[in-house]
């Protein structure tokens, strides 16, 4: 009776087959997941872009609100002489002749 010999080449064949069927798919899956997370348009990059977008949108809203306040102030300065006098008194420390100025603490500007 002749026994089939299991040689060195069949052992190498088994190792190569295991590498191809086990290690290669796992490495491909890890590569795809890595690209999904860390790639140029990856999930992490998109998250940081969204955070910057939200921060910028908040700044834009604040600037618009400030612009609206300034717009209404300009309108009042153009149309209401009492507002002009009061604004001059507050910001420029000016008053009409004969007016009494009350000052409560704080330093002069």
PDB file of N, CA and C in Angstrom:
ATOM      1  N   UNK A   1       0.810  -1.175   0.000  1.00  0.00           N
ATOM      2  CA  UNK A   1       0.000   0.000   0.000  1.00  0.00           C
ATOM      3  C   UNK A   1       0.867   1.257   0.000  1.00  0.00           C
ATOM      4  N   UNK A   2       0.526   2.180  -0.829  1.00  0.00           N
ATOM      5  CA  UNK A   2       1.314   3.395  -0.980  1.00  0.00           C
ATOM      6  C   UNK A   2       0.584   4.525  -0.265  1.00  0.00           C
ATOM      7  N   UNK A   3       1.338   5.182   0.619  1.00  0.00           N
ATOM      8  CA  UNK A   3       0.755   6.330   1.329  1.00  0.00           C
ATOM      9  C   UNK A   3       0.997   7.587   0.524  1.00  0.00           C
ATOM     10  N   UNK A   4      -0.067   8.416   0.414  1.00  0.00           N
ATOM     11  CA  UNK A   4       0.193   9.683  -0.273  1.00  0.00           C
ATOM     12  C   UNK A   4       1.070  10.545   0.612  1.00  0.00           C
ATOM     13  N   UNK A   5       2.062  11.106   0.041  1.00  0.00           N
ATOM     14  CA  UNK A   5       2.974  11.927   0.838  1.00  0.00           C
ATOM     15  C   UNK A   5       2.487  13.372   0.852  1.00  0.00           C
ATOM     16  N   UNK A   6       2.508  13.888   2.054  1.00  0.00           N
ATOM     17  CA  UNK A   6       2.171  15.300   2.209  1.00  0.00           C
ATOM     18  C   UNK A   6       3.492  16.015   2.278  1.00  0.00           C
ATOM     19  N   UNK A   7       3.776  16.778   1.283  1.00  0.00           N
ATOM     20  CA  UNK A   7       5.066  17.421   1.210  1.00  0.00           C
ATOM     21  C   UNK A   7       5.024  18.880   1.644  1.00  0.00           C
ATOM     22  N   UNK A   8       6.146  19.488   1.503  1.00  0.00           N
ATOM     23  CA  UNK A   8       6.328  20.892   1.875  1.00  0.00           C
ATOM     24  C   UNK A   8       5.457  21.805   1.029  1.00  0.00           C
ATOM     25  N   UNK A   9       5.304  21.488  -0.242  1.00  0.00           N
ATOM     26  CA  UNK A   9       4.546  22.345  -1.148  1.00  0.00           C
ATOM     27  C   UNK A   9       3.064  22.393  -0.778  1.00  0.00           C
ATOM     28  N   UNK A  10       2.489  21.323  -0.292  1.00  0.00           N
ATOM     29  CA  UNK A  10       1.087  21.365   0.081  1.00  0.00           C
ATOM     30  C   UNK A  10       0.890  22.174   1.358  1.00  0.00           C
ATOM     31  N   UNK A  11       1.856  22.182   2.289  1.00  0.00           N
ATOM     32  CA  UNK A  11       1.783  23.016   3.493  1.00  0.00           C
ATOM     33  C   UNK A  11       1.837  24.492   3.147  1.00  0.00           C
ATOM     34  N   UNK A  12       2.675  24.834   2.199  1.00  0.00           N
ATOM     35  CA  UNK A  12       2.769  26.222   1.746  1.00  0.00           C
ATOM     36  C   UNK A  12       1.470  26.615   1.061  1.00  0.00           C
ATOM     37  N   UNK A  13       0.916  25.680   0.321  1.00  0.00           N
ATOM     38  CA  UNK A  13      -0.345  25.949  -0.375  1.00  0.00           C
ATOM     39  C   UNK A  13      -1.463  26.256   0.626  1.00  0.00           C
ATOM     40  N   UNK A  14      -1.506  25.552   1.726  1.00  0.00           N
ATOM     41  CA  UNK A  14      -2.520  25.768   2.760  1.00  0.00           C
ATOM     42  C   UNK A  14      -2.337  27.145   3.399  1.00  0.00           C
ATOM     43  N   UNK A  15      -1.105  27.519   3.675  1.00  0.00           N
ATOM     44  CA  UNK A  15      -0.819  28.815   4.280  1.00  0.00           C
ATOM     45  C   UNK A  15      -1.206  29.945   3.330  1.00  0.00           C
ATOM     46  N   UNK A  16      -0.865  29.796   2.091  1.00  0.00           N
ATOM     47  CA  UNK A  16      -1.203  30.828   1.096  1.00  0.00           C
ATOM     48  C   UNK A  16      -2.712  30.936   0.959  1.00  0.00           C
ATOM     49  N   UNK A  17      -3.392  29.809   0.934  1.00  0.00           N
ATOM     50  CA  UNK A  17      -4.841  29.824   0.806  1.00  0.00           C
ATOM     51  C   UNK A  17      -5.481  30.494   2.025  1.00  0.00           C
ATOM     52  N   UNK A  18      -4.972  30.225   3.213  1.00  0.00           N
ATOM     53  CA  UNK A  18      -5.496  30.870   4.415  1.00  0.00           C
ATOM     54  C   UNK A  18      -5.250  32.387   4.378  1.00  0.00           C
ATOM     55  N   UNK A  19      -4.079  32.782   3.935  1.00  0.00           N
ATOM     56  CA  UNK A  19      -3.789  34.209   3.815  1.00  0.00           C
ATOM     57  C   UNK A  19      -4.769  34.873   2.854  1.00  0.00           C
ATOM     58  N   UNK A  20      -4.984  34.242   1.738  1.00  0.00           N
ATOM     59  CA  UNK A  20      -5.860  34.835   0.730  1.00  0.00           C
ATOM     60  C   UNK A  20      -7.287  34.915   1.240  1.00  0.00           C
ATOM     61  N   UNK A  21      -7.777  33.891   1.899  1.00  0.00           N
ATOM     62  CA  UNK A  21      -9.173  33.846   2.312  1.00  0.00           C
ATOM     63  C   UNK A  21      -9.435  34.487   3.667  1.00  0.00           C
ATOM     64  N   UNK A  22      -8.431  34.728   4.472  1.00  0.00           N
ATOM     65  CA  UNK A  22      -8.646  35.307   5.802  1.00  0.00           C
ATOM     66  C   UNK A  22      -8.044  36.700   5.956  1.00  0.00           C
ATOM     67  N   UNK A  23      -6.780  36.825   5.674  1.00  0.00           N
ATOM     68  CA  UNK A  23      -6.078  38.083   5.929  1.00  0.00           C
ATOM     69  C   UNK A  23      -6.415  39.138   4.887  1.00  0.00           C
ATOM     70  N   UNK A  24      -6.480  38.775   3.656  1.00  0.00           N
ATOM     71  CA  UNK A  24      -6.740  39.740   2.588  1.00  0.00           C
ATOM     72  C   UNK A  24      -8.112  40.408   2.730  1.00  0.00           C
ATOM     73  N   UNK A  25      -9.205  39.677   2.954  1.00  0.00           N
ATOM     74  CA  UNK A  25     -10.495  40.363   3.130  1.00  0.00           C
ATOM     75  C   UNK A  25     -10.531  41.266   4.358  1.00  0.00           C
ATOM     76  N   UNK A  26      -9.906  40.818   5.448  1.00  0.00           N
ATOM     77  CA  UNK A  26      -9.875  41.644   6.659  1.00  0.00           C
ATOM     78  C   UNK A  26      -9.105  42.934   6.398  1.00  0.00           C
ATOM     79  N   UNK A  27      -7.977  42.831   5.722  1.00  0.00           N
ATOM     80  CA  UNK A  27      -7.198  44.038   5.428  1.00  0.00           C
ATOM     81  C   UNK A  27      -7.955  44.960   4.469  1.00  0.00           C
ATOM     82  N   UNK A  28      -8.689  44.406   3.532  1.00  0.00           N
ATOM     83  CA  UNK A  28      -9.485  45.238   2.631  1.00  0.00           C
ATOM     84  C   UNK A  28     -10.587  45.968   3.386  1.00  0.00           C
ATOM     85  N   UNK A  29     -11.266  45.254   4.291  1.00  0.00           N
ATOM     86  CA  UNK A  29     -12.323  45.883   5.081  1.00  0.00           C
ATOM     87  C   UNK A  29     -11.739  46.983   5.958  1.00  0.00           C
ATOM     88  N   UNK A  30     -10.605  46.722   6.596  1.00  0.00           N
ATOM     89  CA  UNK A  30      -9.963  47.748   7.426  1.00  0.00           C
ATOM     90  C   UNK A  30      -9.531  48.951   6.591  1.00  0.00           C
ATOM     91  N   UNK A  31      -9.064  48.709   5.387  1.00  0.00           N
ATOM     92  CA  UNK A  31      -8.689  49.809   4.501  1.00  0.00           C
ATOM     93  C   UNK A  31      -9.877  50.670   4.117  1.00  0.00           C
ATOM     94  N   UNK A  32     -10.994  50.022   3.816  1.00  0.00           N
ATOM     95  CA  UNK A  32     -12.205  50.772   3.447  1.00  0.00           C
ATOM     96  C   UNK A  32     -12.711  51.579   4.636  1.00  0.00           C
ATOM     97  N   UNK A  33     -12.730  50.968   5.815  1.00  0.00           N
ATOM     98  CA  UNK A  33     -13.170  51.681   7.016  1.00  0.00           C
ATOM     99  C   UNK A  33     -12.229  52.854   7.309  1.00  0.00           C
ATOM    100  N   UNK A  34     -10.934  52.628   7.146  1.00  0.00           N
ATOM    101  CA  UNK A  34      -9.968  53.718   7.351  1.00  0.00           C
ATOM    102  C   UNK A  34     -10.193  54.867   6.390  1.00  0.00           C
ATOM    103  N   UNK A  35     -10.447  54.553   5.138  1.00  0.00           N
ATOM    104  CA  UNK A  35     -10.724  55.610   4.162  1.00  0.00           C
ATOM    105  C   UNK A  35     -12.020  56.339   4.496  1.00  0.00           C
ATOM    106  N   UNK A  36     -13.017  55.606   4.966  1.00  0.00           N
ATOM    107  CA  UNK A  36     -14.299  56.200   5.325  1.00  0.00           C
ATOM    108  C   UNK A  36     -14.141  57.180   6.484  1.00  0.00           C
ATOM    109  N   UNK A  37     -13.297  56.821   7.446  1.00  0.00           N
ATOM    110  CA  UNK A  37     -13.119  57.690   8.616  1.00  0.00           C
ATOM    111  C   UNK A  37     -12.066  58.761   8.405  1.00  0.00           C
ATOM    112  N   UNK A  38     -10.934  58.397   7.826  1.00  0.00           N
ATOM    113  CA  UNK A  38      -9.783  59.300   7.783  1.00  0.00           C
ATOM    114  C   UNK A  38      -9.478  59.872   6.410  1.00  0.00           C
ATOM    115  N   UNK A  39     -10.212  59.494   5.407  1.00  0.00           N
ATOM    116  CA  UNK A  39      -9.918  59.947   4.050  1.00  0.00           C
ATOM    117  C   UNK A  39     -10.108  61.449   3.881  1.00  0.00           C
ATOM    118  N   UNK A  40      -9.841  61.915   2.681  1.00  0.00           N
ATOM    119  CA  UNK A  40      -9.920  63.348   2.383  1.00  0.00           C
ATOM    120  C   UNK A  40     -11.306  63.910   2.671  1.00  0.00           C
ATOM    121  N   UNK A  41     -12.332  63.179   2.341  1.00  0.00           N
ATOM    122  CA  UNK A  41     -13.711  63.566   2.653  1.00  0.00           C
ATOM    123  C   UNK A  41     -14.284  62.632   3.702  1.00  0.00           C
ATOM    124  N   UNK A  42     -13.452  62.190   4.617  1.00  0.00           N
ATOM    125  CA  UNK A  42     -13.861  61.219   5.618  1.00  0.00           C
ATOM    126  C   UNK A  42     -14.808  61.791   6.650  1.00  0.00           C
ATOM    127  N   UNK A  43     -15.308  60.901   7.468  1.00  0.00           N
ATOM    128  CA  UNK A  43     -16.295  61.266   8.475  1.00  0.00           C
ATOM    129  C   UNK A  43     -15.728  62.255   9.489  1.00  0.00           C
ATOM    130  N   UNK A  44     -14.495  62.070   9.872  1.00  0.00           N
ATOM    131  CA  UNK A  44     -13.871  62.971  10.850  1.00  0.00           C
ATOM    132  C   UNK A  44     -13.688  64.359  10.252  1.00  0.00           C
ATOM    133  N   UNK A  45     -13.265  64.434   9.002  1.00  0.00           N
ATOM    134  CA  UNK A  45     -13.082  65.722   8.332  1.00  0.00           C
ATOM    135  C   UNK A  45     -14.424  66.438   8.171  1.00  0.00           C
ATOM    136  N   UNK A  46     -15.450  65.705   7.834  1.00  0.00           N
ATOM    137  CA  UNK A  46     -16.779  66.315   7.685  1.00  0.00           C
ATOM    138  C   UNK A  46     -17.292  66.853   9.015  1.00  0.00           C
ATOM    139  N   UNK A  47     -16.986  66.151  10.085  1.00  0.00           N
ATOM    140  CA  UNK A  47     -17.420  66.603  11.401  1.00  0.00           C
ATOM    141  C   UNK A  47     -16.777  67.937  11.759  1.00  0.00           C
ATOM    142  N   UNK A  48     -15.490  68.078  11.495  1.00  0.00           N
ATOM    143  CA  UNK A  48     -14.823  69.346  11.805  1.00  0.00           C
ATOM    144  C   UNK A  48     -15.326  70.467  10.901  1.00  0.00           C
ATOM    145  N   UNK A  49     -15.635  70.147   9.656  1.00  0.00           N
ATOM    146  CA  UNK A  49     -16.185  71.160   8.745  1.00  0.00           C
ATOM    147  C   UNK A  49     -17.558  71.622   9.236  1.00  0.00           C
ATOM    148  N   UNK A  50     -18.378  70.677   9.715  1.00  0.00           N
ATOM    149  CA  UNK A  50     -19.700  71.047  10.241  1.00  0.00           C
ATOM    150  C   UNK A  50     -19.563  71.941  11.469  1.00  0.00           C
ATOM    151  N   UNK A  51     -18.620  71.630  12.348  1.00  0.00           N
ATOM    152  CA  UNK A  51     -18.425  72.461  13.534  1.00  0.00           C
ATOM    153  C   UNK A  51     -18.024  73.875  13.144  1.00  0.00           C
ATOM    154  N   UNK A  52     -17.116  74.005  12.181  1.00  0.00           N
ATOM    155  CA  UNK A  52     -16.714  75.338  11.721  1.00  0.00           C
ATOM    156  C   UNK A  52     -17.883  76.061  11.069  1.00  0.00           C
ATOM    157  N   UNK A  53     -18.717  75.331  10.318  1.00  0.00           N
ATOM    158  CA  UNK A  53     -19.891  75.925   9.677  1.00  0.00           C
ATOM    159  C   UNK A  53     -20.852  76.469  10.718  1.00  0.00           C
ATOM    160  N   UNK A  54     -21.146  75.685  11.759  1.00  0.00           N
ATOM    161  CA  UNK A  54     -22.061  76.141  12.808  1.00  0.00           C
ATOM    162  C   UNK A  54     -21.502  77.347  13.548  1.00  0.00           C
ATOM    163  N   UNK A  55     -20.198  77.350  13.813  1.00  0.00           N
ATOM    164  CA  UNK A  55     -19.581  78.497  14.483  1.00  0.00           C
ATOM    165  C   UNK A  55     -19.671  79.739  13.605  1.00  0.00           C
ATOM    166  N   UNK A  56     -19.445  79.582  12.317  1.00  0.00           N
ATOM    167  CA  UNK A  56     -19.527  80.714  11.393  1.00  0.00           C
ATOM    168  C   UNK A  56     -20.962  81.224  11.284  1.00  0.00           C
ATOM    169  N   UNK A  57     -21.932  80.308  11.240  1.00  0.00           N
ATOM    170  CA  UNK A  57     -23.330  80.725  11.179  1.00  0.00           C
ATOM    171  C   UNK A  57     -23.728  81.503  12.428  1.00  0.00           C
ATOM    172  N   UNK A  58     -23.227  81.097  13.582  1.00  0.00           N
ATOM    173  CA  UNK A  58     -23.502  81.823  14.823  1.00  0.00           C
ATOM    174  C   UNK A  58     -22.917  83.226  14.766  1.00  0.00           C
ATOM    175  N   UNK A  59     -21.686  83.340  14.263  1.00  0.00           N
ATOM    176  CA  UNK A  59     -21.063  84.664  14.143  1.00  0.00           C
ATOM    177  C   UNK A  59     -21.843  85.548  13.172  1.00  0.00           C
ATOM    178  N   UNK A  60     -22.336  84.964  12.095  1.00  0.00           N
ATOM    179  CA  UNK A  60     -23.116  85.735  11.113  1.00  0.00           C
ATOM    180  C   UNK A  60     -24.406  86.241  11.747  1.00  0.00           C
ATOM    181  N   UNK A  61     -25.072  85.390  12.534  1.00  0.00           N
ATOM    182  CA  UNK A  61     -26.304  85.819  13.208  1.00  0.00           C
ATOM    183  C   UNK A  61     -26.020  86.959  14.179  1.00  0.00           C
ATOM    184  N   UNK A  62     -24.920  86.864  14.917  1.00  0.00           N
ATOM    185  CA  UNK A  62     -24.561  87.933  15.856  1.00  0.00           C
ATOM    186  C   UNK A  62     -24.264  89.228  15.111  1.00  0.00           C
ATOM    187  N   UNK A  63     -23.553  89.125  13.997  1.00  0.00           N
ATOM    188  CA  UNK A  63     -23.234  90.325  13.219  1.00  0.00           C
ATOM    189  C   UNK A  63     -24.496  90.956  12.638  1.00  0.00           C
ATOM    190  N   UNK A  64     -25.435  90.117  12.189  1.00  0.00           N
ATOM    191  CA  UNK A  64     -26.687  90.660  11.656  1.00  0.00           C
ATOM    192  C   UNK A  64     -27.490  91.365  12.736  1.00  0.00           C
ATOM    193  N   UNK A  65     -27.523  90.787  13.937  1.00  0.00           N
ATOM    194  CA  UNK A  65     -28.245  91.423  15.040  1.00  0.00           C
ATOM    195  C   UNK A  65     -27.593  92.747  15.405  1.00  0.00           C
ATOM    196  N   UNK A  66     -26.257  92.771  15.442  1.00  0.00           N
ATOM    197  CA  UNK A  66     -25.549  94.019  15.740  1.00  0.00           C
ATOM    198  C   UNK A  66     -25.788  95.059  14.652  1.00  0.00           C
ATOM    199  N   UNK A  67     -25.801  94.626  13.403  1.00  0.00           N
ATOM    200  CA  UNK A  67     -26.079  95.549  12.293  1.00  0.00           C
ATOM    201  C   UNK A  67     -27.477  96.136  12.401  1.00  0.00           C
ATOM    202  N   UNK A  68     -28.429  95.329  12.825  1.00  0.00           N
ATOM    203  CA  UNK A  68     -29.798  95.820  12.976  1.00  0.00           C
ATOM    204  C   UNK A  68     -29.874  96.883  14.068  1.00  0.00           C
ATOM    205  N   UNK A  69     -29.171  96.658  15.172  1.00  0.00           N
ATOM    206  CA  UNK A  69     -29.137  97.653  16.249  1.00  0.00           C
ATOM    207  C   UNK A  69     -28.498  98.944  15.745  1.00  0.00           C
ATOM    208  N   UNK A  70     -27.401  98.817  15.021  1.00  0.00           N
ATOM    209  CA  UNK A  70     -26.719 100.007  14.497  1.00  0.00           C
ATOM    210  C   UNK A  70     -27.593 100.729  13.457  1.00  0.00           C
ATOM    211  N   UNK A  71     -28.320  99.963  12.628  1.00  0.00           N
ATOM    212  CA  UNK A  71     -29.209 100.566  11.642  1.00  0.00           C
ATOM    213  C   UNK A  71     -30.299 101.399  12.326  1.00  0.00           C
ATOM    214  N   UNK A  72     -30.871 100.837  13.390  1.00  0.00           N
ATOM    215  CA  UNK A  72     -31.923 101.580  14.091  1.00  0.00           C
ATOM    216  C   UNK A  72     -31.330 102.806  14.790  1.00  0.00           C
ATOM    217  N   UNK A  73     -30.117 102.688  15.277  1.00  0.00           N
ATOM    218  CA  UNK A  73     -29.455 103.842  15.905  1.00  0.00           C
ATOM    219  C   UNK A  73     -29.200 104.950  14.878  1.00  0.00           C
ATOM    220  N   UNK A  74     -28.750 104.581  13.701  1.00  0.00           N
ATOM    221  CA  UNK A  74     -28.526 105.566  12.630  1.00  0.00           C
ATOM    222  C   UNK A  74     -29.833 106.252  12.264  1.00  0.00           C
ATOM    223  N   UNK A  75     -30.898 105.470  12.159  1.00  0.00           N
ATOM    224  CA  UNK A  75     -32.201 106.043  11.835  1.00  0.00           C
ATOM    225  C   UNK A  75     -32.622 107.049  12.909  1.00  0.00           C
ATOM    226  N   UNK A  76     -32.424 106.703  14.173  1.00  0.00           N
ATOM    227  CA  UNK A  76     -32.777 107.614  15.269  1.00  0.00           C
ATOM    228  C   UNK A  76     -31.904 108.877  15.226  1.00  0.00           C
ATOM    229  N   UNK A  77     -30.613 108.722  14.929  1.00  0.00           N
ATOM    230  CA  UNK A  77     -29.734 109.891  14.856  1.00  0.00           C
ATOM    231  C   UNK A  77     -30.155 110.822  13.713  1.00  0.00           C
ATOM    232  N   UNK A  78     -30.666 110.266  12.634  1.00  0.00           N
ATOM    233  CA  UNK A  78     -31.086 111.087  11.499  1.00  0.00           C
ATOM    234  C   UNK A  78     -32.433 111.767  11.737  1.00  0.00           C
ATOM    235  N   UNK A  79     -33.280 111.153  12.542  1.00  0.00           N
ATOM    236  CA  UNK A  79     -34.642 111.662  12.613  1.00  0.00           C
ATOM    237  C   UNK A  79     -35.039 112.283  13.950  1.00  0.00           C
ATOM    238  N   UNK A  80     -34.382 111.996  15.045  1.00  0.00           N
ATOM    239  CA  UNK A  80     -34.820 112.465  16.362  1.00  0.00           C
ATOM    240  C   UNK A  80     -33.759 113.365  16.995  1.00  0.00           C
ATOM    241  N   UNK A  81     -33.991 114.676  17.046  1.00  0.00           N
ATOM    242  CA  UNK A  81     -32.994 115.594  17.617  1.00  0.00           C
ATOM    243  C   UNK A  81     -32.738 115.314  19.107  1.00  0.00           C
ATOM    244  N   UNK A  82     -33.743 114.849  19.839  1.00  0.00           N
ATOM    245  CA  UNK A  82     -33.525 114.537  21.263  1.00  0.00           C
ATOM    246  C   UNK A  82     -32.557 113.370  21.418  1.00  0.00           C
ATOM    247  N   UNK A  83     -32.653 112.421  20.522  1.00  0.00           N
ATOM    248  CA  UNK A  83     -31.730 111.284  20.567  1.00  0.00           C
ATOM    249  C   UNK A  83     -30.304 111.732  20.266  1.00  0.00           C
ATOM    250  N   UNK A  84     -30.154 112.687  19.341  1.00  0.00           N
ATOM    251  CA  UNK A  84     -28.828 113.216  19.018  1.00  0.00           C
ATOM    252  C   UNK A  84     -28.232 113.897  20.246  1.00  0.00           C
ATOM    253  N   UNK A  85     -29.035 114.713  20.948  1.00  0.00           N
ATOM    254  CA  UNK A  85     -28.547 115.403  22.142  1.00  0.00           C
ATOM    255  C   UNK A  85     -28.147 114.405  23.224  1.00  0.00           C
ATOM    256  N   UNK A  86     -29.001 113.420  23.434  1.00  0.00           N
ATOM    257  CA  UNK A  86     -28.711 112.431  24.476  1.00  0.00           C
ATOM    258  C   UNK A  86     -27.465 111.615  24.128  1.00  0.00           C
ATOM    259  N   UNK A  87     -27.327 111.257  22.868  1.00  0.00           N
ATOM    260  CA  UNK A  87     -26.168 110.490  22.427  1.00  0.00           C
ATOM    261  C   UNK A  87     -24.883 111.303  22.580  1.00  0.00           C
ATOM    262  N   UNK A  88     -24.957 112.589  22.241  1.00  0.00           N
ATOM    263  CA  UNK A  88     -23.789 113.464  22.412  1.00  0.00           C
ATOM    264  C   UNK A  88     -23.433 113.593  23.884  1.00  0.00           C
ATOM    265  N   UNK A  89     -24.438 113.689  24.737  1.00  0.00           N
ATOM    266  CA  UNK A  89     -24.174 113.795  26.174  1.00  0.00           C
ATOM    267  C   UNK A  89     -23.533 112.514  26.703  1.00  0.00           C
ATOM    268  N   UNK A  90     -23.994 111.357  26.263  1.00  0.00           N
ATOM    269  CA  UNK A  90     -23.469 110.081  26.756  1.00  0.00           C
ATOM    270  C   UNK A  90     -22.079 109.769  26.224  1.00  0.00           C
ATOM    271  N   UNK A  91     -21.895 109.938  24.952  1.00  0.00           N
ATOM    272  CA  UNK A  91     -20.663 109.471  24.323  1.00  0.00           C
ATOM    273  C   UNK A  91     -19.578 110.532  24.221  1.00  0.00           C
ATOM    274  N   UNK A  92     -19.969 111.764  24.055  1.00  0.00           N
ATOM    275  CA  UNK A  92     -18.970 112.820  23.886  1.00  0.00           C
ATOM    276  C   UNK A  92     -18.842 113.702  25.123  1.00  0.00           C
ATOM    277  N   UNK A  93     -19.642 113.395  26.154  1.00  0.00           N
ATOM    278  CA  UNK A  93     -19.680 114.199  27.383  1.00  0.00           C
ATOM    279  C   UNK A  93     -19.940 115.661  27.054  1.00  0.00           C
ATOM    280  N   UNK A  94     -20.880 115.904  26.170  1.00  0.00           N
ATOM    281  CA  UNK A  94     -21.268 117.259  25.772  1.00  0.00           C
ATOM    282  C   UNK A  94     -22.700 117.512  26.222  1.00  0.00           C
ATOM    283  N   UNK A  95     -22.997 118.770  26.532  1.00  0.00           N
ATOM    284  CA  UNK A  95     -24.355 119.144  26.903  1.00  0.00           C
ATOM    285  C   UNK A  95     -24.583 120.579  26.465  1.00  0.00           C
ATOM    286  N   UNK A  96     -25.855 120.932  26.381  1.00  0.00           N
ATOM    287  CA  UNK A  96     -26.177 122.307  26.015  1.00  0.00           C
ATOM    288  C   UNK A  96     -25.765 123.246  27.141  1.00  0.00           C
ATOM    289  N   UNK A  97     -25.519 124.459  26.763  1.00  0.00           N
ATOM    290  CA  UNK A  97     -25.134 125.459  27.750  1.00  0.00           C
ATOM    291  C   UNK A  97     -26.270 125.647  28.752  1.00  0.00           C
ATOM    292  N   UNK A  98     -25.915 125.669  30.025  1.00  0.00           N
ATOM    293  CA  UNK A  98     -26.890 125.855  31.077  1.00  0.00           C
ATOM    294  C   UNK A  98     -27.490 124.549  31.585  1.00  0.00           C
ATOM    295  N   UNK A  99     -27.105 123.416  31.007  1.00  0.00           N
ATOM    296  CA  UNK A  99     -27.630 122.123  31.456  1.00  0.00           C
ATOM    297  C   UNK A  99     -26.863 121.658  32.691  1.00  0.00           C
ATOM    298  N   UNK A 100     -27.520 120.887  33.490  1.00  0.00           N
ATOM    299  CA  UNK A 100     -26.879 120.293  34.654  1.00  0.00           C
ATOM    300  C   UNK A 100     -26.556 118.849  34.331  1.00  0.00           C
ATOM    301  N   UNK A 101     -25.309 118.483  34.592  1.00  0.00           N
ATOM    302  CA  UNK A 101     -24.866 117.118  34.309  1.00  0.00           C
ATOM    303  C   UNK A 101     -24.667 116.407  35.641  1.00  0.00           C
ATOM    304  N   UNK A 102     -25.281 115.254  35.769  1.00  0.00           N
ATOM    305  CA  UNK A 102     -25.122 114.429  36.964  1.00  0.00           C
ATOM    306  C   UNK A 102     -24.208 113.265  36.603  1.00  0.00           C
ATOM    307  N   UNK A 103     -23.225 113.059  37.435  1.00  0.00           N
ATOM    308  CA  UNK A 103     -22.278 111.982  37.179  1.00  0.00           C
ATOM    309  C   UNK A 103     -22.243 111.068  38.389  1.00  0.00           C
ATOM    310  N   UNK A 104     -22.413 109.767  38.160  1.00  0.00           N
ATOM    311  CA  UNK A 104     -22.443 108.794  39.239  1.00  0.00           C
ATOM    312  C   UNK A 104     -21.256 107.850  39.105  1.00  0.00           C
ATOM    313  N   UNK A 105     -20.167 108.145  39.787  1.00  0.00           N
ATOM    314  CA  UNK A 105     -18.998 107.260  39.795  1.00  0.00           C
ATOM    315  C   UNK A 105     -18.400 107.044  38.422  1.00  0.00           C
ATOM    316  N   UNK A 106     -17.400 106.188  38.365  1.00  0.00           N
ATOM    317  CA  UNK A 106     -16.760 105.872  37.103  1.00  0.00           C
ATOM    318  C   UNK A 106     -15.797 106.957  36.664  1.00  0.00           C
ATOM    319  N   UNK A 107     -14.953 106.611  35.738  1.00  0.00           N
ATOM    320  CA  UNK A 107     -13.975 107.574  35.244  1.00  0.00           C
ATOM    321  C   UNK A 107     -14.470 108.225  33.967  1.00  0.00           C
ATOM    322  N   UNK A 108     -13.888 109.359  33.647  1.00  0.00           N
ATOM    323  CA  UNK A 108     -14.197 110.014  32.378  1.00  0.00           C
ATOM    324  C   UNK A 108     -13.553 109.216  31.255  1.00  0.00           C
ATOM    325  N   UNK A 109     -14.122 109.279  30.106  1.00  0.00           N
ATOM    326  CA  UNK A 109     -13.577 108.509  28.989  1.00  0.00           C
ATOM    327  C   UNK A 109     -12.422 109.181  28.358  1.00  0.00           C
TER     328      UNK A 109
END
